[in-house]
Amino acid sequence: MTSNTRGTGYLFWVLCAVGLFAILSSTMSKNPVLNPFARALGTPDSLMGFVAAASTIPGILVSLPAGSLSDIFGRRRILLLSTAVFASAPFFYLLVGVWWQLALVRFYHGFATAIFVPVANAFVVELYPYKRAERTSLFSSMTVVGRTLAPFLGGYILFITDYGFHELYLAVGLAGSAALVVAAMLLRATPESRKTPRGGSSRLLEGWAAVAGKPSIMVVGLVEAAQYYAFGATEFFLVGYLREIARFDSFSYGAILGSQLAVIPLLKPLMGKFSDQVGRKIPIVVGSALSALALTAVPFTTQFMWLLLISVLYGIGFSMVTSSTPALVSELTEERFVGTGMGFLGTVMDVGQTMGPIITGLILATGPGYVGSFSALAALLLIVSLVFIIANFARSQGYRHGR
């Protein structure tokens, strides 16, 4: 193994450690503490959703600019900026006295993840140009480990402190500070950390134009948005179906939902490796079809084992698609604008995940019920998959004719 390979592996695993602590911190700040903390502050019921959604808005606003700035100033500087937010935001919760202050802190905290995820993905694809899907998927799985641990750790702290919100947010701050300390390890003197910014605002706009001017990137963005639209809706409304229609107890529907959350981080690295070997098209198309099949089947059974199988099948399909999309965007984007491409993907992901529960809730409320709601999600995935197939066929024909 060469020293360069060892150095690349070192940077990758340090980045994974940063991601684990960072996402552990941000997730523990909301799950399971946000709802009881907001209610303890007297938040009106009509504004609870606003408080919950405040942290998602920065993802729509800054993921693209953050990725572009990392193209100009280097990944390490922008990653350090994001971890500074991870480390500082938790301590502002200790100063909150009314609900609107909580919303402001949540908004500020949201910038951390919005900046970190696309820049980290751009860093990974640069480290591993021939294993892009495998390594971005492995990195994603490490962050999911933090996301999975958070509710258990947060719930335990609330339990032993009798809902001591300040004690919990001190723990959140400790995890965020750990992310900042580990991130500093990425900032050793290297060629990138010494490079001078080039291009400024003109390069920023050039990167945006380069991404927006490629229909193939827009189509992959559509695939990503559709996947997270369905994921956000499923995450919220599947619980309702399992409780209201299937009449499961909390342990049973927890097992069904937990199986899906377990499958995704376990399979994503394997699906990423498969994508590196066979190309991006097969995992995206097959994964979309599996996800659509699973969602279509949900409202037609109330049997525990069938719903468990459906949940796992959906997790497999989601893993196949989302392990391939970041790698594909990085391949379609000019090398100097990879951060911009990852930022675009982060933006559409957040838009999809925000809109999914809203529109699906409207469909559910207007009459079609769970059959109509889950069928609409499946139809969206199939339609977008078809658009992806047609776009790839058109692109291959263009190459064949020298265009």
Protein backbone atom coordinates (compact mmCIF):
# COMPACT_ATOMS: atom_id res chain seq x y z
CA MET A 1 0.00 0.00 0.00
CA THR A 2 1.48 3.38 -1.00
CA SER A 3 1.76 6.32 1.38
CA ASN A 4 -0.74 8.21 -0.80
CA THR A 5 -3.28 5.39 -0.39
CA ARG A 6 -2.74 5.38 3.37
CA GLY A 7 -3.20 9.15 3.46
CA THR A 8 -6.42 8.88 1.49
CA GLY A 9 -7.73 6.20 3.83
CA TYR A 10 -6.81 8.30 6.85
CA LEU A 11 -8.69 11.33 5.54
CA PHE A 12 -11.71 9.21 4.67
CA TRP A 13 -12.03 7.64 8.11
CA VAL A 14 -11.47 10.97 9.85
CA LEU A 15 -14.28 12.36 7.69
CA CYS A 16 -16.48 9.41 8.68
CA ALA A 17 -15.77 10.10 12.36
CA VAL A 18 -16.68 13.78 11.88
CA GLY A 19 -19.90 12.74 10.15
CA LEU A 20 -20.85 10.30 12.90
CA PHE A 21 -20.40 12.86 15.71
CA ALA A 22 -21.95 15.69 13.72
CA ILE A 23 -25.13 13.84 12.73
CA LEU A 24 -25.39 12.26 16.20
CA SER A 25 -25.36 15.79 17.62
CA SER A 26 -27.86 17.32 15.19
CA THR A 27 -30.29 14.38 15.39
CA MET A 28 -30.16 14.23 19.19
CA SER A 29 -31.09 17.93 19.26
CA LYS A 30 -34.50 17.06 17.79
CA ASN A 31 -35.26 13.39 18.43
CA PRO A 32 -36.87 12.81 20.90
CA VAL A 33 -36.37 16.14 22.72
CA LEU A 34 -37.71 18.78 20.32
CA ASN A 35 -41.40 18.02 20.69
CA PRO A 36 -41.51 18.01 24.52
CA PHE A 37 -39.16 21.01 24.72
CA ALA A 38 -41.34 23.01 22.32
CA ARG A 39 -44.46 22.12 24.30
CA ALA A 40 -42.76 23.05 27.58
CA LEU A 41 -42.12 26.50 26.06
CA GLY A 42 -45.84 26.87 25.31
CA THR A 43 -45.57 26.61 21.53
CA PRO A 44 -49.05 26.88 19.94
CA ASP A 45 -50.18 23.67 18.25
CA SER A 46 -50.54 25.50 14.95
CA LEU A 47 -46.85 26.48 15.05
CA MET A 48 -45.33 23.18 16.18
CA GLY A 49 -44.72 22.19 12.56
CA PHE A 50 -43.00 25.50 11.91
CA VAL A 51 -40.58 24.88 14.78
CA ALA A 52 -39.91 21.35 13.52
CA ALA A 53 -39.33 22.51 9.94
CA ALA A 54 -37.14 25.52 10.79
CA SER A 55 -33.94 23.47 10.51
CA THR A 56 -34.79 22.14 7.03
CA ILE A 57 -35.03 25.57 5.38
CA PRO A 58 -31.23 26.17 5.33
CA GLY A 59 -30.80 22.96 3.34
CA ILE A 60 -32.84 24.47 0.53
CA LEU A 61 -31.07 27.84 0.81
CA VAL A 62 -27.37 27.05 1.26
CA SER A 63 -26.49 23.52 0.10
CA LEU A 64 -25.77 24.72 -3.44
CA PRO A 65 -23.77 27.84 -2.43
CA ALA A 66 -21.83 25.80 0.16
CA GLY A 67 -20.83 23.22 -2.42
CA SER A 68 -19.79 25.97 -4.85
CA LEU A 69 -17.74 27.78 -2.21
CA SER A 70 -15.91 24.54 -1.46
CA ASP A 71 -14.91 24.44 -5.16
CA ILE A 72 -13.34 27.87 -4.71
CA PHE A 73 -11.92 27.84 -1.18
CA GLY A 74 -11.32 24.12 -0.71
CA ARG A 75 -13.32 21.41 1.08
CA ARG A 76 -11.51 21.57 4.40
CA ARG A 77 -12.25 25.22 5.10
CA ILE A 78 -15.98 24.83 4.43
CA LEU A 79 -16.15 21.61 6.43
CA LEU A 80 -14.53 23.37 9.38
CA LEU A 81 -17.12 26.15 9.08
CA SER A 82 -19.95 23.60 9.23
CA THR A 83 -18.48 21.84 12.27
CA ALA A 84 -18.16 25.20 14.01
CA VAL A 85 -21.94 25.49 13.66
CA PHE A 86 -22.40 21.92 14.90
CA ALA A 87 -20.30 22.79 17.95
CA SER A 88 -21.83 26.20 18.76
CA ALA A 89 -25.54 25.73 18.01
CA PRO A 90 -26.32 23.32 20.90
CA PHE A 91 -25.29 25.86 23.51
CA PHE A 92 -27.80 28.42 22.21
CA TYR A 93 -30.60 26.03 23.22
CA LEU A 94 -29.57 26.71 26.83
CA LEU A 95 -30.56 30.38 26.37
CA VAL A 96 -34.00 29.68 24.87
CA GLY A 97 -36.94 30.99 26.90
CA VAL A 98 -39.80 31.26 24.38
CA TRP A 99 -40.85 29.20 21.37
CA TRP A 100 -39.80 31.68 18.67
CA GLN A 101 -36.25 31.66 20.05
CA LEU A 102 -36.27 27.88 19.69
CA ALA A 103 -37.29 28.29 16.03
CA LEU A 104 -34.39 30.71 15.47
CA VAL A 105 -31.89 28.34 17.06
CA ARG A 106 -33.24 25.45 14.97
CA PHE A 107 -32.84 27.61 11.84
CA TYR A 108 -29.21 28.36 12.74
CA HIS A 109 -28.51 24.71 13.59
CA GLY A 110 -29.85 23.65 10.18
CA PHE A 111 -26.97 25.39 8.42
CA ALA A 112 -24.55 22.82 9.86
CA THR A 113 -25.97 19.80 8.03
CA ALA A 114 -26.87 21.86 4.94
CA ILE A 115 -23.21 22.82 4.52
CA PHE A 116 -21.58 19.61 5.73
CA VAL A 117 -23.28 16.88 3.67
CA PRO A 118 -22.71 18.13 0.09
CA VAL A 119 -19.15 19.28 0.81
CA ALA A 120 -18.26 15.98 2.51
CA ASN A 121 -19.66 14.04 -0.47
CA ALA A 122 -17.58 16.17 -2.85
CA PHE A 123 -14.51 15.46 -0.69
CA VAL A 124 -15.16 11.71 -0.83
CA VAL A 125 -15.60 11.49 -4.61
CA GLU A 126 -12.33 13.38 -5.04
CA LEU A 127 -10.54 10.98 -2.70
CA TYR A 128 -11.92 7.90 -4.51
CA PRO A 129 -12.52 8.67 -8.21
CA TYR A 130 -12.86 4.94 -9.02
CA LYS A 131 -14.97 3.95 -6.01
CA ARG A 132 -17.30 6.92 -5.83
CA ALA A 133 -20.57 5.12 -5.12
CA GLU A 134 -19.06 2.64 -2.67
CA ARG A 135 -17.27 5.28 -0.60
CA THR A 136 -20.03 7.91 -0.59
CA SER A 137 -22.42 5.15 0.50
CA LEU A 138 -20.07 4.00 3.27
CA PHE A 139 -19.72 7.59 4.47
CA SER A 140 -23.52 7.96 4.40
CA SER A 141 -23.87 4.76 6.43
CA MET A 142 -21.53 6.14 9.10
CA THR A 143 -23.73 9.22 9.46
CA VAL A 144 -26.79 6.95 9.69
CA VAL A 145 -25.11 5.20 12.63
CA GLY A 146 -25.06 8.57 14.41
CA ARG A 147 -28.66 9.24 13.39
CA THR A 148 -29.74 5.83 14.72
CA LEU A 149 -27.93 6.18 18.07
CA ALA A 150 -29.29 9.66 18.72
CA PRO A 151 -32.88 8.87 19.80
CA PHE A 152 -31.71 6.08 22.11
CA LEU A 153 -29.04 8.23 23.75
CA GLY A 154 -31.27 11.29 23.88
CA GLY A 155 -34.17 9.31 25.32
CA TYR A 156 -31.91 7.82 27.98
CA ILE A 157 -30.62 11.25 29.02
CA LEU A 158 -34.17 12.60 29.27
CA PHE A 159 -35.13 9.55 31.34
CA ILE A 160 -32.30 9.74 33.87
CA THR A 161 -32.61 13.54 34.24
CA ASP A 162 -36.44 13.58 34.40
CA TYR A 163 -36.71 15.63 31.20
CA GLY A 164 -33.66 17.77 31.90
CA PHE A 165 -33.55 19.68 28.62
CA HIS A 166 -30.40 21.60 29.53
CA GLU A 167 -28.54 18.42 30.40
CA LEU A 168 -29.50 16.89 27.07
CA TYR A 169 -28.36 19.92 25.08
CA LEU A 170 -25.06 19.90 26.94
CA ALA A 171 -24.61 16.34 25.66
CA VAL A 172 -25.56 17.54 22.17
CA GLY A 173 -22.93 20.24 22.50
CA LEU A 174 -20.32 17.70 23.57
CA ALA A 175 -20.97 15.59 20.45
CA GLY A 176 -20.92 18.69 18.22
CA SER A 177 -17.65 19.85 19.79
CA ALA A 178 -16.15 16.40 19.17
CA ALA A 179 -17.01 16.81 15.48
CA LEU A 180 -15.21 20.16 15.44
CA VAL A 181 -12.10 18.76 17.16
CA VAL A 182 -11.90 15.77 14.82
CA ALA A 183 -12.49 18.03 11.79
CA ALA A 184 -9.42 20.05 12.74
CA MET A 185 -7.41 16.93 11.89
CA LEU A 186 -8.38 17.51 8.25
CA LEU A 187 -6.72 20.92 8.22
CA ARG A 188 -3.10 19.92 8.36
CA ALA A 189 -0.85 21.69 5.88
CA THR A 190 -1.69 20.11 2.55
CA PRO A 191 -1.77 21.49 -0.99
CA GLU A 192 -5.49 22.19 -0.72
CA SER A 193 -5.35 23.89 2.65
CA ARG A 194 -2.73 26.32 1.30
CA LYS A 195 -4.33 27.08 -2.04
CA THR A 196 -5.46 30.58 -2.90
CA PRO A 197 -9.12 31.14 -3.75
CA ARG A 198 -9.62 31.67 -7.47
CA GLY A 199 -12.45 33.20 -9.41
CA GLY A 200 -14.65 34.46 -6.57
CA SER A 201 -18.24 35.27 -7.47
CA SER A 202 -17.65 34.81 -11.21
CA ARG A 203 -16.58 31.20 -10.65
CA LEU A 204 -19.54 30.68 -8.33
CA LEU A 205 -21.96 31.72 -11.07
CA GLU A 206 -19.98 29.79 -13.67
CA GLY A 207 -20.41 26.62 -11.61
CA TRP A 208 -24.15 27.15 -11.21
CA ALA A 209 -24.52 27.74 -14.95
CA ALA A 210 -22.45 24.64 -15.74
CA VAL A 211 -24.70 22.44 -13.57
CA ALA A 212 -27.98 24.04 -14.66
CA GLY A 213 -26.95 23.78 -18.30
CA LYS A 214 -26.67 19.98 -18.20
CA PRO A 215 -30.05 18.27 -18.65
CA SER A 216 -28.52 14.96 -17.54
CA ILE A 217 -27.69 16.43 -14.12
CA MET A 218 -31.18 17.90 -13.85
CA VAL A 219 -32.68 14.46 -14.49
CA VAL A 220 -30.56 12.84 -11.78
CA GLY A 221 -31.64 15.66 -9.47
CA LEU A 222 -35.25 14.80 -10.30
CA VAL A 223 -34.58 11.16 -9.36
CA GLU A 224 -33.04 12.24 -6.04
CA ALA A 225 -35.89 14.63 -5.26
CA ALA A 226 -38.49 11.92 -6.02
CA GLN A 227 -36.72 9.39 -3.80
CA TYR A 228 -36.59 11.74 -0.82
CA TYR A 229 -40.12 12.98 -1.52
CA ALA A 230 -41.31 9.37 -1.15
CA PHE A 231 -38.98 8.70 1.79
CA GLY A 232 -40.16 11.75 3.74
CA ALA A 233 -43.80 10.88 3.14
CA THR A 234 -43.32 7.19 3.95
CA GLU A 235 -41.38 7.95 7.13
CA PHE A 236 -44.32 10.00 8.41
CA PHE A 237 -47.45 8.29 7.07
CA LEU A 238 -46.41 4.64 7.35
CA VAL A 239 -46.57 5.07 11.13
CA GLY A 240 -50.16 6.29 10.79
CA TYR A 241 -51.12 3.32 8.64
CA LEU A 242 -49.56 0.82 11.04
CA ARG A 243 -51.33 2.38 14.03
CA GLU A 244 -54.72 3.30 12.56
CA ILE A 245 -55.35 0.59 9.98
CA ALA A 246 -53.13 -2.36 10.91
CA ARG A 247 -53.74 -1.67 14.64
CA PHE A 248 -50.21 -2.61 15.68
CA ASP A 249 -48.76 -1.81 19.07
CA SER A 250 -45.71 0.46 19.36
CA PHE A 251 -43.29 -2.48 19.53
CA SER A 252 -44.62 -4.00 16.30
CA TYR A 253 -44.58 -0.86 14.20
CA GLY A 254 -41.23 0.08 15.74
CA ALA A 255 -39.84 -3.23 14.48
CA ILE A 256 -41.21 -2.61 10.98
CA LEU A 257 -39.81 0.90 10.76
CA GLY A 258 -36.57 -0.09 12.46
CA SER A 259 -35.95 -2.89 9.97
CA GLN A 260 -36.01 -0.36 7.15
CA LEU A 261 -33.64 2.00 8.98
CA ALA A 262 -31.29 -0.92 9.66
CA VAL A 263 -31.28 -2.14 6.06
CA ILE A 264 -30.34 1.23 4.54
CA PRO A 265 -26.93 1.78 6.24
CA LEU A 266 -26.05 -1.91 6.01
CA LEU A 267 -26.76 -2.21 2.29
CA LYS A 268 -25.71 1.19 0.92
CA PRO A 269 -21.96 0.39 0.78
CA LEU A 270 -22.69 -2.93 -0.95
CA MET A 271 -25.07 -1.23 -3.38
CA GLY A 272 -22.46 1.44 -3.99
CA LYS A 273 -19.85 -1.20 -4.84
CA PHE A 274 -22.37 -2.87 -7.16
CA SER A 275 -22.99 0.50 -8.83
CA ASP A 276 -19.25 1.05 -9.36
CA GLN A 277 -19.07 -2.34 -11.09
CA VAL A 278 -22.18 -2.32 -13.32
CA GLY A 279 -22.78 1.39 -13.82
CA ARG A 280 -25.37 3.78 -12.41
CA LYS A 281 -28.38 3.10 -14.62
CA ILE A 282 -29.23 -0.43 -13.45
CA PRO A 283 -29.26 0.33 -9.69
CA ILE A 284 -31.31 3.49 -10.21
CA VAL A 285 -33.94 1.87 -12.42
CA VAL A 286 -34.18 -1.40 -10.49
CA GLY A 287 -34.12 0.40 -7.13
CA SER A 288 -36.92 2.74 -8.21
CA ALA A 289 -39.01 -0.22 -9.36
CA LEU A 290 -38.47 -2.08 -6.06
CA SER A 291 -39.39 1.00 -4.03
CA ALA A 292 -42.51 1.58 -6.11
CA LEU A 293 -43.56 -2.08 -5.76
CA ALA A 294 -43.13 -1.93 -1.99
CA LEU A 295 -45.11 1.30 -1.60
CA THR A 296 -47.92 0.00 -3.80
CA ALA A 297 -48.24 -3.10 -1.61
CA VAL A 298 -48.39 -1.28 1.76
CA PRO A 299 -52.14 -0.53 1.98
CA PHE A 300 -53.19 -3.99 0.78
CA THR A 301 -52.10 -5.94 3.84
CA THR A 302 -52.27 -5.70 7.61
CA GLN A 303 -50.14 -8.78 8.27
CA PHE A 304 -47.02 -8.11 10.34
CA MET A 305 -44.65 -10.37 8.37
CA TRP A 306 -45.78 -9.01 5.01
CA LEU A 307 -45.39 -5.41 6.16
CA LEU A 308 -41.97 -6.23 7.61
CA LEU A 309 -40.94 -7.69 4.24
CA ILE A 310 -42.36 -4.68 2.40
CA SER A 311 -40.44 -2.30 4.66
CA VAL A 312 -37.18 -4.17 4.02
CA LEU A 313 -37.87 -4.25 0.27
CA TYR A 314 -38.41 -0.49 0.27
CA GLY A 315 -35.15 -0.01 2.16
CA ILE A 316 -33.31 -2.10 -0.45
CA GLY A 317 -34.74 -0.07 -3.32
CA PHE A 318 -33.99 3.25 -1.63
CA SER A 319 -30.40 2.12 -0.92
CA MET A 320 -29.85 1.11 -4.54
CA VAL A 321 -30.92 4.47 -5.91
CA THR A 322 -29.33 6.79 -3.36
CA SER A 323 -25.99 4.95 -3.45
CA SER A 324 -25.73 5.76 -7.17
CA THR A 325 -27.08 9.31 -7.53
CA PRO A 326 -24.19 11.22 -5.86
CA ALA A 327 -21.61 9.25 -7.84
CA LEU A 328 -23.49 9.83 -11.10
CA VAL A 329 -23.78 13.58 -10.53
CA SER A 330 -20.05 13.77 -9.75
CA GLU A 331 -19.30 11.98 -13.03
CA LEU A 332 -21.57 14.26 -15.04
CA THR A 333 -20.11 17.42 -13.48
CA GLU A 334 -16.84 19.04 -14.50
CA GLU A 335 -14.12 18.16 -12.01
CA ARG A 336 -13.70 21.78 -10.88
CA PHE A 337 -17.42 22.03 -10.09
CA VAL A 338 -17.95 18.76 -8.20
CA GLY A 339 -18.85 20.64 -5.00
CA THR A 340 -21.49 22.60 -6.90
CA GLY A 341 -22.96 19.34 -8.22
CA MET A 342 -23.13 17.87 -4.73
CA GLY A 343 -24.69 21.08 -3.43
CA PHE A 344 -27.36 20.91 -6.13
CA LEU A 345 -28.12 17.33 -5.16
CA GLY A 346 -28.40 18.34 -1.48
CA THR A 347 -30.82 21.14 -2.37
CA VAL A 348 -33.20 18.97 -4.40
CA MET A 349 -33.03 16.28 -1.71
CA ASP A 350 -34.22 18.75 0.93
CA VAL A 351 -36.93 20.13 -1.36
CA GLY A 352 -38.23 16.61 -2.00
CA GLN A 353 -38.12 15.55 1.64
CA THR A 354 -39.93 18.75 2.69
CA MET A 355 -42.66 18.52 0.05
CA GLY A 356 -43.36 14.78 0.35
CA PRO A 357 -45.24 14.82 3.68
CA ILE A 358 -47.08 18.04 2.79
CA ILE A 359 -48.51 16.89 -0.55
CA THR A 360 -49.12 13.32 0.60
CA GLY A 361 -51.03 14.69 3.59
CA LEU A 362 -53.25 16.69 1.24
CA ILE A 363 -53.90 13.58 -0.88
CA LEU A 364 -54.73 11.57 2.25
CA ALA A 365 -57.09 14.27 3.52
CA THR A 366 -59.01 14.74 0.27
CA GLY A 367 -60.44 11.25 0.03
CA PRO A 368 -58.18 8.65 -1.62
CA GLY A 369 -56.91 7.47 1.76
CA TYR A 370 -53.83 5.33 2.23
CA VAL A 371 -54.38 3.40 -1.01
CA GLY A 372 -54.35 6.61 -3.03
CA SER A 373 -51.50 8.15 -1.04
CA PHE A 374 -49.08 5.24 -1.34
CA SER A 375 -50.10 4.59 -4.96
CA ALA A 376 -49.31 8.23 -5.79
CA LEU A 377 -45.84 7.84 -4.27
CA ALA A 378 -45.23 4.66 -6.27
CA ALA A 379 -46.47 6.28 -9.48
CA LEU A 380 -44.13 9.23 -8.99
CA LEU A 381 -41.12 6.93 -8.60
CA LEU A 382 -42.05 4.97 -11.74
CA ILE A 383 -42.68 8.10 -13.82
CA VAL A 384 -39.38 9.67 -12.78
CA SER A 385 -37.59 6.37 -13.47
CA LEU A 386 -39.10 6.37 -16.96
CA VAL A 387 -37.89 9.95 -17.50
CA PHE A 388 -34.42 8.83 -16.41
CA ILE A 389 -34.46 5.90 -18.88
CA ILE A 390 -35.59 8.14 -21.77
CA ALA A 391 -32.99 10.79 -20.91
CA ASN A 392 -30.22 8.18 -20.81
CA PHE A 393 -31.35 6.74 -24.14
CA ALA A 394 -31.37 10.22 -25.70
CA ARG A 395 -27.91 10.95 -24.29
CA SER A 396 -26.49 7.66 -25.62
CA GLN A 397 -27.98 8.38 -29.06
CA GLY A 398 -26.40 11.81 -28.95
CA TYR A 399 -23.00 10.31 -28.24
CA ARG A 400 -23.49 7.76 -31.01
CA HIS A 401 -24.17 10.53 -33.53
CA GLY A 402 -21.29 12.63 -32.33
CA ARG A 403 -23.33 15.36 -30.64
